[in-house]
Amino acid sequence: MEYLNPLAMLVAAVSALVVGFIWYNPKVFGNAWMQAAGMTDEQIKGGNMAKIFGLALLFAFMLSTALPGIVIHQMGAFSLMGGDPAAALPSYEAFVSDYSDAFRTFKHGVLHGVLTGVFIALPILGTNALFERKSAKYIFINSGYWIVTLGIMGGIICAWK
């Protein structure tokens, strides 16, 4: 597929773990998150880390497969012609010739990734947290992570052709 780059999506997924290592470090938001989540050191150390990080990477990869449609504008035209450039009308080729690299920058991908975090991740996490009776601090720490992470993921996916 013309606009899907599996290597970019894998690197974007790994970037979610890298941001998480920094974001949830005790010197950044880790201690505040543990307090807001009601977690103890014993609970943190008692988890199956291979399972947790393996599933976190899988979930991040799943997100990275959804992001091209959000951060790459050309995906709209690609989907409209059915995903098979060989079967497309000549107007598609003209479109690609004129706009194939339009808005394909890291900065533009970050913009759309951040908007995705603000308008999708924040409402989802915020709603769950409200019903779980979690604090605003909990909502903003976790949503902040996803806003930053989706921004970086979006930048990687949009810029890497």
Protein backbone atom coordinates (compact mmCIF):
# COMPACT_ATOMS: atom_id res chain seq x y z
CA MET A 1 0.00 0.00 0.00
CA GLU A 2 1.30 3.29 -1.13
CA TYR A 3 1.05 5.29 2.11
CA LEU A 4 1.51 2.57 4.69
CA ASN A 5 5.06 2.13 5.95
CA PRO A 6 5.28 -0.90 8.27
CA LEU A 7 8.75 0.08 9.52
CA ALA A 8 7.53 3.58 10.42
CA MET A 9 4.56 2.06 12.22
CA LEU A 10 6.84 -0.30 14.19
CA VAL A 11 9.20 2.55 15.15
CA ALA A 12 6.19 4.66 16.14
CA ALA A 13 4.94 1.80 18.34
CA VAL A 14 8.34 1.46 20.02
CA SER A 15 8.36 5.23 20.57
CA ALA A 16 5.28 4.81 22.78
CA LEU A 17 7.31 2.60 25.11
CA VAL A 18 10.24 5.03 25.08
CA VAL A 19 7.97 7.95 25.98
CA GLY A 20 6.38 5.78 28.69
CA PHE A 21 9.77 4.96 30.23
CA ILE A 22 10.43 8.70 30.49
CA TRP A 23 6.89 9.88 31.38
CA TYR A 24 6.27 7.33 34.12
CA ASN A 25 9.79 7.56 35.56
CA PRO A 26 9.65 8.44 39.27
CA LYS A 27 11.60 11.64 38.55
CA VAL A 28 8.97 12.79 36.03
CA PHE A 29 5.34 11.69 36.66
CA GLY A 30 5.88 8.17 38.03
CA ASN A 31 5.43 8.94 41.72
CA ALA A 32 2.48 11.25 41.10
CA TRP A 33 0.88 8.62 38.84
CA MET A 34 1.38 5.87 41.43
CA GLN A 35 -0.28 8.03 44.09
CA ALA A 36 -3.16 9.06 41.80
CA ALA A 37 -3.67 5.46 40.65
CA GLY A 38 -3.51 4.08 44.17
CA MET A 39 -0.56 1.84 43.25
CA THR A 40 2.17 0.67 45.62
CA ASP A 41 5.77 -0.33 44.92
CA GLU A 42 4.83 -3.92 45.73
CA GLN A 43 2.03 -3.88 43.14
CA ILE A 44 4.37 -2.42 40.52
CA LYS A 45 7.08 -5.00 41.21
CA GLY A 46 4.55 -7.86 41.32
CA GLY A 47 3.47 -7.55 37.68
CA ASN A 48 4.52 -9.80 34.82
CA MET A 49 6.67 -7.24 33.02
CA ALA A 50 7.17 -9.31 29.86
CA LYS A 51 3.41 -9.64 29.46
CA ILE A 52 2.78 -5.97 30.29
CA PHE A 53 5.40 -4.59 27.90
CA GLY A 54 4.60 -7.13 25.20
CA LEU A 55 0.91 -6.22 25.23
CA ALA A 56 1.74 -2.50 25.50
CA LEU A 57 3.85 -2.83 22.34
CA LEU A 58 1.07 -4.74 20.58
CA PHE A 59 -1.50 -2.09 21.53
CA ALA A 60 0.86 0.71 20.42
CA PHE A 61 1.34 -1.07 17.09
CA MET A 62 -2.42 -1.32 16.71
CA LEU A 63 -2.63 2.45 17.25
CA SER A 64 0.15 3.01 14.74
CA THR A 65 -1.87 1.16 12.09
CA ALA A 66 -4.78 3.56 12.61
CA LEU A 67 -2.69 6.74 12.53
CA PRO A 68 -1.85 6.92 8.80
CA GLY A 69 -5.51 7.61 8.05
CA ILE A 70 -5.41 10.46 10.55
CA VAL A 71 -2.00 12.03 9.92
CA ILE A 72 -1.49 11.46 6.17
CA HIS A 73 -3.96 13.46 4.11
CA GLN A 74 -3.30 11.45 0.96
CA MET A 75 -4.85 8.39 2.63
CA GLY A 76 -8.25 9.95 1.91
CA ALA A 77 -7.71 9.86 -1.84
CA PHE A 78 -6.10 6.43 -1.56
CA SER A 79 -9.16 5.05 0.21
CA LEU A 80 -11.59 6.76 -2.18
CA MET A 81 -10.13 4.97 -5.18
CA GLY A 82 -10.40 1.63 -3.41
CA GLY A 83 -6.80 1.06 -2.38
CA ASP A 84 -5.63 -0.34 -5.74
CA PRO A 85 -3.68 2.29 -7.70
CA ALA A 86 -3.74 0.04 -10.78
CA ALA A 87 -7.55 0.30 -10.88
CA ALA A 88 -7.67 4.05 -10.25
CA LEU A 89 -8.88 6.64 -12.73
CA PRO A 90 -6.28 8.92 -14.35
CA SER A 91 -7.33 11.72 -11.98
CA TYR A 92 -5.82 9.77 -9.08
CA GLU A 93 -2.42 9.69 -10.78
CA ALA A 94 -2.69 13.44 -11.40
CA PHE A 95 -3.57 13.99 -7.73
CA VAL A 96 -0.60 11.92 -6.58
CA SER A 97 1.68 13.75 -8.99
CA ASP A 98 0.54 17.11 -7.63
CA TYR A 99 0.14 16.32 -3.91
CA SER A 100 2.08 13.17 -3.01
CA ASP A 101 4.33 14.96 -0.50
CA ALA A 102 1.98 17.75 0.60
CA PHE A 103 1.93 18.05 4.40
CA ARG A 104 4.19 14.99 4.80
CA THR A 105 6.34 16.44 7.59
CA PHE A 106 7.11 15.46 11.15
CA LYS A 107 5.65 18.73 12.38
CA HIS A 108 2.36 18.18 10.56
CA GLY A 109 2.11 14.61 11.86
CA VAL A 110 2.72 15.87 15.40
CA LEU A 111 -0.14 18.36 15.00
CA HIS A 112 -2.60 15.65 13.97
CA GLY A 113 -1.26 13.22 16.58
CA VAL A 114 -1.71 15.78 19.35
CA LEU A 115 -5.23 16.57 18.14
CA THR A 116 -5.96 12.84 18.20
CA GLY A 117 -4.73 12.70 21.78
CA VAL A 118 -6.80 15.71 22.85
CA PHE A 119 -10.02 14.77 21.05
CA ILE A 120 -9.91 10.96 21.27
CA ALA A 121 -7.58 9.74 24.05
CA LEU A 122 -8.45 12.41 26.63
CA PRO A 123 -12.23 11.91 26.43
CA ILE A 124 -11.91 8.11 26.55
CA LEU A 125 -9.47 8.05 29.45
CA GLY A 126 -11.28 10.87 31.22
CA THR A 127 -14.64 9.11 31.04
CA ASN A 128 -13.21 5.86 32.37
CA ALA A 129 -11.38 7.68 35.15
CA LEU A 130 -14.52 9.54 36.22
CA PHE A 131 -16.43 6.30 36.67
CA GLU A 132 -13.42 4.75 38.44
CA ARG A 133 -13.50 7.78 40.80
CA LYS A 134 -9.95 8.80 39.87
CA SER A 135 -8.67 12.33 40.31
CA ALA A 136 -8.08 15.05 37.74
CA LYS A 137 -4.35 14.49 38.35
CA TYR A 138 -4.76 10.87 37.24
CA ILE A 139 -6.65 11.96 34.12
CA PHE A 140 -4.10 14.59 33.15
CA ILE A 141 -1.04 12.41 33.78
CA ASN A 142 -2.38 9.55 31.65
CA SER A 143 -3.95 11.75 28.98
CA GLY A 144 -0.82 13.87 28.83
CA TYR A 145 1.19 10.75 28.12
CA TRP A 146 -1.11 9.81 25.24
CA ILE A 147 -1.20 13.34 23.82
CA VAL A 148 2.62 13.46 23.73
CA THR A 149 2.91 9.85 22.52
CA LEU A 150 0.35 10.20 19.73
CA GLY A 151 2.07 13.43 18.67
CA ILE A 152 5.42 11.66 18.34
CA MET A 153 3.86 8.61 16.70
CA GLY A 154 1.97 10.85 14.25
CA GLY A 155 5.15 12.75 13.42
CA ILE A 156 7.08 9.55 12.70
CA ILE A 157 4.34 8.05 10.54
CA CYS A 158 3.63 11.24 8.59
CA ALA A 159 7.26 12.13 7.86
CA TRP A 160 8.65 8.66 7.07
CA LYS A 161 7.90 7.99 3.41
